[in-house]
């Protein structure tokens, strides 16, 4: 997942635009409190950037300065959201620390979907160590 930040003249504010690993728009956020009311009236602006390549091409064409925002997901964030606390925290943290930053973000982002899959299949949730070692988020 990649997130870009730029200053929008329409919103007179900084805006973040997020894309998943397939380059498809997953979200946008106007960072100024004043511009949030205007957001719904400008949905069309963001629909033009449905694909990451289109957003980057448009930014280059218009001389827009975009900054890729690096997401950092900590083990604390993962541990809090994974919710399966019956395994050893130390072992899970050791697995986490061996992972690449990209895999850490992917593993963290997939937790909600993983919970939904488990609920749908009526399957028990594996230990956090098992989830991390078996890379359950990779499809």
C-alpha atoms as a PDB file:
ATOM      1  CA  UNK A   1       0.000   0.000   0.000  1.00  0.00           C
ATOM      2  CA  UNK A   2       1.287   3.437  -0.916  1.00  0.00           C
ATOM      3  CA  UNK A   3       0.130   6.798   0.347  1.00  0.00           C
ATOM      4  CA  UNK A   4       0.915  10.113  -1.309  1.00  0.00           C
ATOM      5  CA  UNK A   5       0.462  13.613   0.056  1.00  0.00           C
ATOM      6  CA  UNK A   6       0.077  16.803  -1.963  1.00  0.00           C
ATOM      7  CA  UNK A   7      -1.317  20.294  -1.582  1.00  0.00           C
ATOM      8  CA  UNK A   8      -4.657  20.723  -3.339  1.00  0.00           C
ATOM      9  CA  UNK A   9      -5.603  24.155  -4.658  1.00  0.00           C
ATOM     10  CA  UNK A  10      -9.280  23.085  -4.765  1.00  0.00           C
ATOM     11  CA  UNK A  11      -9.336  22.233  -1.062  1.00  0.00           C
ATOM     12  CA  UNK A  12      -6.688  24.774  -0.065  1.00  0.00           C
ATOM     13  CA  UNK A  13      -5.273  22.006   2.081  1.00  0.00           C
ATOM     14  CA  UNK A  14      -2.955  19.025   2.063  1.00  0.00           C
ATOM     15  CA  UNK A  15      -4.543  15.800   0.847  1.00  0.00           C
ATOM     16  CA  UNK A  16      -3.464  12.173   1.183  1.00  0.00           C
ATOM     17  CA  UNK A  17      -4.330   9.580  -1.454  1.00  0.00           C
ATOM     18  CA  UNK A  18      -3.828   5.852  -0.713  1.00  0.00           C
ATOM     19  CA  UNK A  19      -3.462   2.932  -3.129  1.00  0.00           C
ATOM     20  CA  UNK A  20      -3.353  -0.810  -2.479  1.00  0.00           C
ATOM     21  CA  UNK A  21      -0.621  -3.134  -3.759  1.00  0.00           C
ATOM     22  CA  UNK A  22      -2.471  -3.400  -7.094  1.00  0.00           C
ATOM     23  CA  UNK A  23      -2.381   0.376  -7.602  1.00  0.00           C
ATOM     24  CA  UNK A  24      -6.112   0.894  -6.999  1.00  0.00           C
ATOM     25  CA  UNK A  25      -7.416   3.827  -4.948  1.00  0.00           C
ATOM     26  CA  UNK A  26      -8.343   2.786  -1.410  1.00  0.00           C
ATOM     27  CA  UNK A  27      -8.834   6.152   0.243  1.00  0.00           C
ATOM     28  CA  UNK A  28      -8.297   9.876   0.340  1.00  0.00           C
ATOM     29  CA  UNK A  29      -8.264  12.318   3.182  1.00  0.00           C
ATOM     30  CA  UNK A  30      -8.314  16.094   3.330  1.00  0.00           C
ATOM     31  CA  UNK A  31      -6.014  17.068   6.190  1.00  0.00           C
ATOM     32  CA  UNK A  32      -7.607  20.430   6.999  1.00  0.00           C
ATOM     33  CA  UNK A  33     -10.739  20.556   9.141  1.00  0.00           C
ATOM     34  CA  UNK A  34     -12.254  23.339   6.998  1.00  0.00           C
ATOM     35  CA  UNK A  35     -12.072  21.353   3.769  1.00  0.00           C
ATOM     36  CA  UNK A  36     -13.854  18.229   4.996  1.00  0.00           C
ATOM     37  CA  UNK A  37     -17.250  19.784   4.219  1.00  0.00           C
ATOM     38  CA  UNK A  38     -16.164  20.324   0.614  1.00  0.00           C
ATOM     39  CA  UNK A  39     -14.986  16.735   0.214  1.00  0.00           C
ATOM     40  CA  UNK A  40     -18.281  15.247  -0.921  1.00  0.00           C
ATOM     41  CA  UNK A  41     -18.759  17.894  -3.588  1.00  0.00           C
ATOM     42  CA  UNK A  42     -15.384  16.940  -5.118  1.00  0.00           C
ATOM     43  CA  UNK A  43     -15.683  13.131  -5.261  1.00  0.00           C
ATOM     44  CA  UNK A  44     -15.179  13.362  -9.024  1.00  0.00           C
ATOM     45  CA  UNK A  45     -11.646  14.741  -8.528  1.00  0.00           C
ATOM     46  CA  UNK A  46     -10.592  11.567  -6.744  1.00  0.00           C
ATOM     47  CA  UNK A  47     -12.396   9.188  -9.092  1.00  0.00           C
ATOM     48  CA  UNK A  48     -10.092  10.454 -11.844  1.00  0.00           C
ATOM     49  CA  UNK A  49      -7.231   9.028  -9.778  1.00  0.00           C
ATOM     50  CA  UNK A  50      -8.704   5.526  -9.411  1.00  0.00           C
ATOM     51  CA  UNK A  51      -5.390   4.057 -10.598  1.00  0.00           C
ATOM     52  CA  UNK A  52      -2.074   5.043  -9.061  1.00  0.00           C
ATOM     53  CA  UNK A  53      -0.391   5.354 -12.474  1.00  0.00           C
ATOM     54  CA  UNK A  54      -3.043   7.898 -13.551  1.00  0.00           C
ATOM     55  CA  UNK A  55      -2.529   9.912 -10.360  1.00  0.00           C
ATOM     56  CA  UNK A  56       1.255  10.011 -10.795  1.00  0.00           C
ATOM     57  CA  UNK A  57       0.972  10.875 -14.507  1.00  0.00           C
ATOM     58  CA  UNK A  58      -1.482  13.696 -13.761  1.00  0.00           C
ATOM     59  CA  UNK A  59       0.725  15.020 -10.956  1.00  0.00           C
ATOM     60  CA  UNK A  60       3.730  15.121 -13.296  1.00  0.00           C
ATOM     61  CA  UNK A  61       1.700  16.743 -16.080  1.00  0.00           C
ATOM     62  CA  UNK A  62       0.501  19.517 -13.764  1.00  0.00           C
ATOM     63  CA  UNK A  63       3.821  19.983 -11.955  1.00  0.00           C
ATOM     64  CA  UNK A  64       2.240  18.872  -8.698  1.00  0.00           C
ATOM     65  CA  UNK A  65       4.707  18.068  -5.939  1.00  0.00           C
ATOM     66  CA  UNK A  66       3.733  14.733  -4.402  1.00  0.00           C
ATOM     67  CA  UNK A  67       5.430  13.087  -1.456  1.00  0.00           C
ATOM     68  CA  UNK A  68       5.222   9.371  -0.793  1.00  0.00           C
ATOM     69  CA  UNK A  69       4.307   8.960   2.862  1.00  0.00           C
ATOM     70  CA  UNK A  70       6.053   6.010   4.449  1.00  0.00           C
ATOM     71  CA  UNK A  71       3.750   4.044   6.731  1.00  0.00           C
ATOM     72  CA  UNK A  72       5.209   2.541   9.826  1.00  0.00           C
ATOM     73  CA  UNK A  73       3.328  -0.217  11.564  1.00  0.00           C
ATOM     74  CA  UNK A  74       4.685  -1.144  14.958  1.00  0.00           C
ATOM     75  CA  UNK A  75       4.453  -4.482  16.697  1.00  0.00           C
ATOM     76  CA  UNK A  76       2.324  -2.789  19.374  1.00  0.00           C
ATOM     77  CA  UNK A  77      -0.235  -1.843  16.720  1.00  0.00           C
ATOM     78  CA  UNK A  78      -0.245  -5.389  15.342  1.00  0.00           C
ATOM     79  CA  UNK A  79      -0.497  -6.996  18.794  1.00  0.00           C
ATOM     80  CA  UNK A  80      -3.397  -4.759  19.813  1.00  0.00           C
ATOM     81  CA  UNK A  81      -5.403  -5.389  16.637  1.00  0.00           C
ATOM     82  CA  UNK A  82      -4.656  -9.101  16.164  1.00  0.00           C
ATOM     83  CA  UNK A  83      -6.415  -9.840  19.458  1.00  0.00           C
ATOM     84  CA  UNK A  84      -5.245 -13.479  19.827  1.00  0.00           C
ATOM     85  CA  UNK A  85      -3.200 -13.207  23.012  1.00  0.00           C
ATOM     86  CA  UNK A  86      -2.874 -16.919  23.924  1.00  0.00           C
ATOM     87  CA  UNK A  87       0.505 -17.299  22.231  1.00  0.00           C
ATOM     88  CA  UNK A  88       3.816 -15.994  23.440  1.00  0.00           C
ATOM     89  CA  UNK A  89       4.207 -12.301  22.795  1.00  0.00           C
ATOM     90  CA  UNK A  90       8.005 -12.642  22.735  1.00  0.00           C
ATOM     91  CA  UNK A  91       7.905 -15.247  19.941  1.00  0.00           C
ATOM     92  CA  UNK A  92       5.414 -13.209  17.927  1.00  0.00           C
ATOM     93  CA  UNK A  93       7.538 -10.091  18.297  1.00  0.00           C
ATOM     94  CA  UNK A  94      10.642 -11.990  17.179  1.00  0.00           C
ATOM     95  CA  UNK A  95       8.761 -13.114  14.029  1.00  0.00           C
ATOM     96  CA  UNK A  96       7.626  -9.534  13.460  1.00  0.00           C
ATOM     97  CA  UNK A  97      11.160  -8.178  13.730  1.00  0.00           C
ATOM     98  CA  UNK A  98      12.422 -10.638  11.082  1.00  0.00           C
ATOM     99  CA  UNK A  99       9.833  -9.407   8.569  1.00  0.00           C
ATOM    100  CA  UNK A 100      10.389  -6.684   5.978  1.00  0.00           C
ATOM    101  CA  UNK A 101       8.639  -3.327   6.540  1.00  0.00           C
ATOM    102  CA  UNK A 102       6.465  -4.074   3.494  1.00  0.00           C
ATOM    103  CA  UNK A 103       5.331  -7.417   4.945  1.00  0.00           C
ATOM    104  CA  UNK A 104       4.650  -5.800   8.304  1.00  0.00           C
ATOM    105  CA  UNK A 105       2.276  -3.292   6.691  1.00  0.00           C
ATOM    106  CA  UNK A 106       0.633  -6.024   4.582  1.00  0.00           C
ATOM    107  CA  UNK A 107       0.198  -8.352   7.575  1.00  0.00           C
ATOM    108  CA  UNK A 108      -1.301  -5.560   9.665  1.00  0.00           C
ATOM    109  CA  UNK A 109      -3.640  -4.343   6.907  1.00  0.00           C
ATOM    110  CA  UNK A 110      -5.011  -7.856   6.314  1.00  0.00           C
ATOM    111  CA  UNK A 111      -6.099  -8.483   9.918  1.00  0.00           C
ATOM    112  CA  UNK A 112      -9.700  -7.231   9.414  1.00  0.00           C
ATOM    113  CA  UNK A 113     -10.188  -9.264   6.249  1.00  0.00           C
ATOM    114  CA  UNK A 114      -8.607 -12.307   7.914  1.00  0.00           C
ATOM    115  CA  UNK A 115     -11.016 -12.020  10.847  1.00  0.00           C
ATOM    116  CA  UNK A 116     -13.911 -11.898   8.382  1.00  0.00           C
ATOM    117  CA  UNK A 117     -12.682 -14.987   6.534  1.00  0.00           C
ATOM    118  CA  UNK A 118     -12.318 -16.905   9.799  1.00  0.00           C
ATOM    119  CA  UNK A 119     -15.806 -15.892  10.894  1.00  0.00           C
ATOM    120  CA  UNK A 120     -17.311 -16.858   7.535  1.00  0.00           C
ATOM    121  CA  UNK A 121     -15.562 -20.247   7.576  1.00  0.00           C
ATOM    122  CA  UNK A 122     -16.200 -20.693  11.320  1.00  0.00           C
ATOM    123  CA  UNK A 123     -12.495 -21.368  11.799  1.00  0.00           C
ATOM    124  CA  UNK A 124     -10.476 -20.814  14.959  1.00  0.00           C
ATOM    125  CA  UNK A 125      -8.000 -17.968  14.857  1.00  0.00           C
ATOM    126  CA  UNK A 126      -4.372 -19.127  14.766  1.00  0.00           C
ATOM    127  CA  UNK A 127      -1.746 -17.801  17.131  1.00  0.00           C
ATOM    128  CA  UNK A 128      -0.136 -14.555  16.020  1.00  0.00           C
ATOM    129  CA  UNK A 129       3.159 -16.411  15.520  1.00  0.00           C
ATOM    130  CA  UNK A 130       1.454 -18.856  13.123  1.00  0.00           C
ATOM    131  CA  UNK A 131      -0.215 -16.000  11.236  1.00  0.00           C
ATOM    132  CA  UNK A 132       3.119 -14.238  10.790  1.00  0.00           C
ATOM    133  CA  UNK A 133       5.250 -17.301   9.993  1.00  0.00           C
ATOM    134  CA  UNK A 134       2.802 -18.736   7.457  1.00  0.00           C
ATOM    135  CA  UNK A 135       2.197 -15.312   5.826  1.00  0.00           C
ATOM    136  CA  UNK A 136      -1.579 -15.776   5.841  1.00  0.00           C
ATOM    137  CA  UNK A 137      -2.088 -12.349   4.232  1.00  0.00           C
ATOM    138  CA  UNK A 138      -0.446 -13.391   0.951  1.00  0.00           C
ATOM    139  CA  UNK A 139      -2.917 -14.690  -1.605  1.00  0.00           C
END
